[in-house]
Amino acid sequence: MLDGYSRYLLSWELMTDMSKISVELFIQRTLDCYPEVKPMVIHDNGSQFVSHDFKQILFMNNCRDIPTRLKHPETNGKVERFVGLIRNEALRPKSPSYFAEAERVIRDYVYDYIFYILIRLRISF
């Protein structure tokens, strides 16, 4: 989950699937880490995001639900760009062979990314 203004990565998880329950648990864990925030959740129209349970989680946490237009990934561009960066700059060059190794590669990339964002934010103030 990415903050749209600062591009700070709030939370991430490498999932073996994008099932409804996996996404709902991820969203709930992320929202639990930031109880004072009432975010807008921008997402594509995948089945896991249009379920009643997902909408219920957003409603219970005072989140605004913002689905993107069909076949229009640019609306969710910041997250799409970040996923592309992870693929192109971390996963493809390192070619992890198993799940734990892929998770480590992503964790290292995310650590460097967050450090870069924090430095950039500090300089801009």
C-alpha atoms as a PDB file:
ATOM      1  CA  MET A   1       0.000   0.000   0.000  1.00  0.00           C
ATOM      2  CA  LEU A   2       1.485   3.285  -1.155  1.00  0.00           C
ATOM      3  CA  ASP A   3       0.837   6.841   0.029  1.00  0.00           C
ATOM      4  CA  GLY A   4      -0.158   8.747  -3.082  1.00  0.00           C
ATOM      5  CA  TYR A   5       1.298  12.089  -2.015  1.00  0.00           C
ATOM      6  CA  SER A   6       4.736  11.140  -0.714  1.00  0.00           C
ATOM      7  CA  ARG A   7       4.982   7.710  -2.420  1.00  0.00           C
ATOM      8  CA  TYR A   8       5.984   6.317   0.969  1.00  0.00           C
ATOM      9  CA  LEU A   9       5.363   2.588   1.115  1.00  0.00           C
ATOM     10  CA  LEU A  10       3.015   1.962   4.035  1.00  0.00           C
ATOM     11  CA  SER A  11       2.937  -1.796   3.795  1.00  0.00           C
ATOM     12  CA  TRP A  12       3.812  -4.624   1.436  1.00  0.00           C
ATOM     13  CA  GLU A  13       3.467  -8.364   1.294  1.00  0.00           C
ATOM     14  CA  LEU A  14       4.489 -10.969  -1.249  1.00  0.00           C
ATOM     15  CA  MET A  15       1.405 -13.126  -1.697  1.00  0.00           C
ATOM     16  CA  THR A  16       1.095 -16.540  -3.252  1.00  0.00           C
ATOM     17  CA  ASP A  17      -2.345 -15.558  -4.524  1.00  0.00           C
ATOM     18  CA  MET A  18      -4.560 -12.516  -4.912  1.00  0.00           C
ATOM     19  CA  SER A  19      -7.638 -14.183  -3.493  1.00  0.00           C
ATOM     20  CA  LYS A  20     -10.346 -12.186  -1.815  1.00  0.00           C
ATOM     21  CA  ILE A  21      -9.374 -13.286   1.697  1.00  0.00           C
ATOM     22  CA  SER A  22      -5.636 -12.605   1.168  1.00  0.00           C
ATOM     23  CA  VAL A  23      -6.303  -9.059  -0.011  1.00  0.00           C
ATOM     24  CA  GLU A  24      -8.836  -8.379   2.741  1.00  0.00           C
ATOM     25  CA  LEU A  25      -6.390  -9.537   5.437  1.00  0.00           C
ATOM     26  CA  PHE A  26      -3.591  -7.438   3.954  1.00  0.00           C
ATOM     27  CA  ILE A  27      -5.776  -4.321   3.818  1.00  0.00           C
ATOM     28  CA  GLN A  28      -6.987  -4.856   7.384  1.00  0.00           C
ATOM     29  CA  ARG A  29      -3.446  -5.374   8.730  1.00  0.00           C
ATOM     30  CA  THR A  30      -2.277  -2.219   6.983  1.00  0.00           C
ATOM     31  CA  LEU A  31      -5.198  -0.167   8.273  1.00  0.00           C
ATOM     32  CA  ASP A  32      -4.574  -1.500  11.787  1.00  0.00           C
ATOM     33  CA  CYS A  33      -1.021  -0.105  11.622  1.00  0.00           C
ATOM     34  CA  TYR A  34      -2.364   3.383  10.835  1.00  0.00           C
ATOM     35  CA  PRO A  35      -5.587   3.740  12.877  1.00  0.00           C
ATOM     36  CA  GLU A  36      -5.612   7.554  12.736  1.00  0.00           C
ATOM     37  CA  VAL A  37      -5.606   7.651   8.928  1.00  0.00           C
ATOM     38  CA  LYS A  38      -8.767   7.550   6.825  1.00  0.00           C
ATOM     39  CA  PRO A  39      -7.380   6.802   3.376  1.00  0.00           C
ATOM     40  CA  MET A  40      -8.756   6.615  -0.097  1.00  0.00           C
ATOM     41  CA  VAL A  41      -8.196   3.116  -1.428  1.00  0.00           C
ATOM     42  CA  ILE A  42      -7.727   3.239  -5.196  1.00  0.00           C
ATOM     43  CA  HIS A  43      -7.895  -0.161  -6.866  1.00  0.00           C
ATOM     44  CA  ASP A  44      -8.700  -1.931 -10.078  1.00  0.00           C
ATOM     45  CA  ASN A  45     -11.956  -3.824 -10.447  1.00  0.00           C
ATOM     46  CA  GLY A  46     -10.606  -7.277  -9.668  1.00  0.00           C
ATOM     47  CA  SER A  47     -13.041  -9.665  -8.018  1.00  0.00           C
ATOM     48  CA  GLN A  48     -11.211  -9.389  -4.692  1.00  0.00           C
ATOM     49  CA  PHE A  49     -11.858  -5.617  -4.635  1.00  0.00           C
ATOM     50  CA  VAL A  50     -15.544  -5.608  -5.532  1.00  0.00           C
ATOM     51  CA  SER A  51     -16.664  -8.156  -2.949  1.00  0.00           C
ATOM     52  CA  HIS A  52     -19.093  -7.215  -0.210  1.00  0.00           C
ATOM     53  CA  ASP A  53     -16.547  -8.176   2.480  1.00  0.00           C
ATOM     54  CA  PHE A  54     -13.886  -5.862   1.014  1.00  0.00           C
ATOM     55  CA  LYS A  55     -16.316  -2.967   0.879  1.00  0.00           C
ATOM     56  CA  GLN A  56     -17.333  -3.739   4.470  1.00  0.00           C
ATOM     57  CA  ILE A  57     -13.687  -3.503   5.634  1.00  0.00           C
ATOM     58  CA  LEU A  58     -13.340  -0.131   3.933  1.00  0.00           C
ATOM     59  CA  PHE A  59     -16.616   1.119   5.403  1.00  0.00           C
ATOM     60  CA  MET A  60     -15.734  -0.032   8.942  1.00  0.00           C
ATOM     61  CA  ASN A  61     -12.389   1.799   8.701  1.00  0.00           C
ATOM     62  CA  ASN A  62     -13.852   5.008   7.217  1.00  0.00           C
ATOM     63  CA  CYS A  63     -11.987   4.555   3.936  1.00  0.00           C
ATOM     64  CA  ARG A  64     -13.103   5.953   0.622  1.00  0.00           C
ATOM     65  CA  ASP A  65     -13.467   3.270  -2.029  1.00  0.00           C
ATOM     66  CA  ILE A  66     -12.221   4.494  -5.415  1.00  0.00           C
ATOM     67  CA  PRO A  67     -12.314   1.887  -8.186  1.00  0.00           C
ATOM     68  CA  THR A  68     -10.476   2.713 -11.393  1.00  0.00           C
ATOM     69  CA  ARG A  69     -12.168   2.658 -14.762  1.00  0.00           C
ATOM     70  CA  LEU A  70     -12.111  -0.655 -16.571  1.00  0.00           C
ATOM     71  CA  LYS A  71      -9.038  -1.179 -18.769  1.00  0.00           C
ATOM     72  CA  HIS A  72      -7.510   2.061 -17.509  1.00  0.00           C
ATOM     73  CA  PRO A  73      -4.473   1.155 -15.338  1.00  0.00           C
ATOM     74  CA  GLU A  74      -3.074   4.705 -15.553  1.00  0.00           C
ATOM     75  CA  THR A  75      -5.530   5.739 -12.820  1.00  0.00           C
ATOM     76  CA  ASN A  76      -3.647   3.486 -10.432  1.00  0.00           C
ATOM     77  CA  GLY A  77      -0.339   4.542 -11.960  1.00  0.00           C
ATOM     78  CA  LYS A  78       1.768   5.112  -8.843  1.00  0.00           C
ATOM     79  CA  VAL A  79       1.240   1.586  -7.558  1.00  0.00           C
ATOM     80  CA  GLU A  80       1.554   0.101 -11.043  1.00  0.00           C
ATOM     81  CA  ARG A  81       4.840   1.980 -11.475  1.00  0.00           C
ATOM     82  CA  PHE A  82       6.141   0.750  -8.114  1.00  0.00           C
ATOM     83  CA  VAL A  83       5.290  -2.868  -8.960  1.00  0.00           C
ATOM     84  CA  GLY A  84       7.087  -2.395 -12.285  1.00  0.00           C
ATOM     85  CA  LEU A  85      10.150  -1.036 -10.489  1.00  0.00           C
ATOM     86  CA  ILE A  86      10.258  -4.056  -8.196  1.00  0.00           C
ATOM     87  CA  ARG A  87       9.982  -6.406 -11.167  1.00  0.00           C
ATOM     88  CA  ASN A  88      12.548  -4.652 -13.343  1.00  0.00           C
ATOM     89  CA  GLU A  89      15.071  -3.472 -10.753  1.00  0.00           C
ATOM     90  CA  ALA A  90      14.905  -6.237  -8.151  1.00  0.00           C
ATOM     91  CA  LEU A  91      13.291  -9.478  -9.258  1.00  0.00           C
ATOM     92  CA  ARG A  92      14.435  -9.819 -12.871  1.00  0.00           C
ATOM     93  CA  PRO A  93      18.119  -8.983 -12.270  1.00  0.00           C
ATOM     94  CA  LYS A  94      18.374 -11.212  -9.188  1.00  0.00           C
ATOM     95  CA  SER A  95      16.127 -14.040 -10.534  1.00  0.00           C
ATOM     96  CA  PRO A  96      15.109 -15.546  -7.184  1.00  0.00           C
ATOM     97  CA  SER A  97      14.494 -19.297  -7.302  1.00  0.00           C
ATOM     98  CA  TYR A  98      12.111 -19.718  -4.409  1.00  0.00           C
ATOM     99  CA  PHE A  99       9.551 -17.755  -2.408  1.00  0.00           C
ATOM    100  CA  ALA A 100      11.744 -16.855   0.591  1.00  0.00           C
ATOM    101  CA  GLU A 101      14.504 -15.602  -1.688  1.00  0.00           C
ATOM    102  CA  ALA A 102      12.027 -13.458  -3.653  1.00  0.00           C
ATOM    103  CA  GLU A 103      10.735 -12.058  -0.376  1.00  0.00           C
ATOM    104  CA  ARG A 104      14.290 -11.190   0.712  1.00  0.00           C
ATOM    105  CA  VAL A 105      15.063  -9.511  -2.629  1.00  0.00           C
ATOM    106  CA  ILE A 106      11.895  -7.417  -2.364  1.00  0.00           C
ATOM    107  CA  ARG A 107      12.556  -6.594   1.307  1.00  0.00           C
ATOM    108  CA  ASP A 108      16.047  -5.315   0.435  1.00  0.00           C
ATOM    109  CA  TYR A 109      14.676  -3.248  -2.454  1.00  0.00           C
ATOM    110  CA  VAL A 110      11.902  -1.822  -0.284  1.00  0.00           C
ATOM    111  CA  TYR A 111      14.402  -0.899   2.445  1.00  0.00           C
ATOM    112  CA  ASP A 112      16.494   1.035  -0.074  1.00  0.00           C
ATOM    113  CA  TYR A 113      13.360   2.622  -1.580  1.00  0.00           C
ATOM    114  CA  ILE A 114      12.041   3.791   1.801  1.00  0.00           C
ATOM    115  CA  PHE A 115      15.469   5.152   2.737  1.00  0.00           C
ATOM    116  CA  TYR A 116      15.542   7.100  -0.552  1.00  0.00           C
ATOM    117  CA  ILE A 117      12.007   8.471   0.010  1.00  0.00           C
ATOM    118  CA  LEU A 118      12.829   9.555   3.565  1.00  0.00           C
ATOM    119  CA  ILE A 119      15.990  11.333   2.387  1.00  0.00           C
ATOM    120  CA  ARG A 120      14.026  13.039  -0.392  1.00  0.00           C
ATOM    121  CA  LEU A 121      11.314  14.154   2.048  1.00  0.00           C
ATOM    122  CA  ARG A 122      13.873  15.483   4.515  1.00  0.00           C
ATOM    123  CA  ILE A 123      15.606  17.509   1.817  1.00  0.00           C
ATOM    124  CA  SER A 124      12.309  18.986   0.563  1.00  0.00           C
ATOM    125  CA  PHE A 125      11.358  20.473   3.950  1.00  0.00           C
END
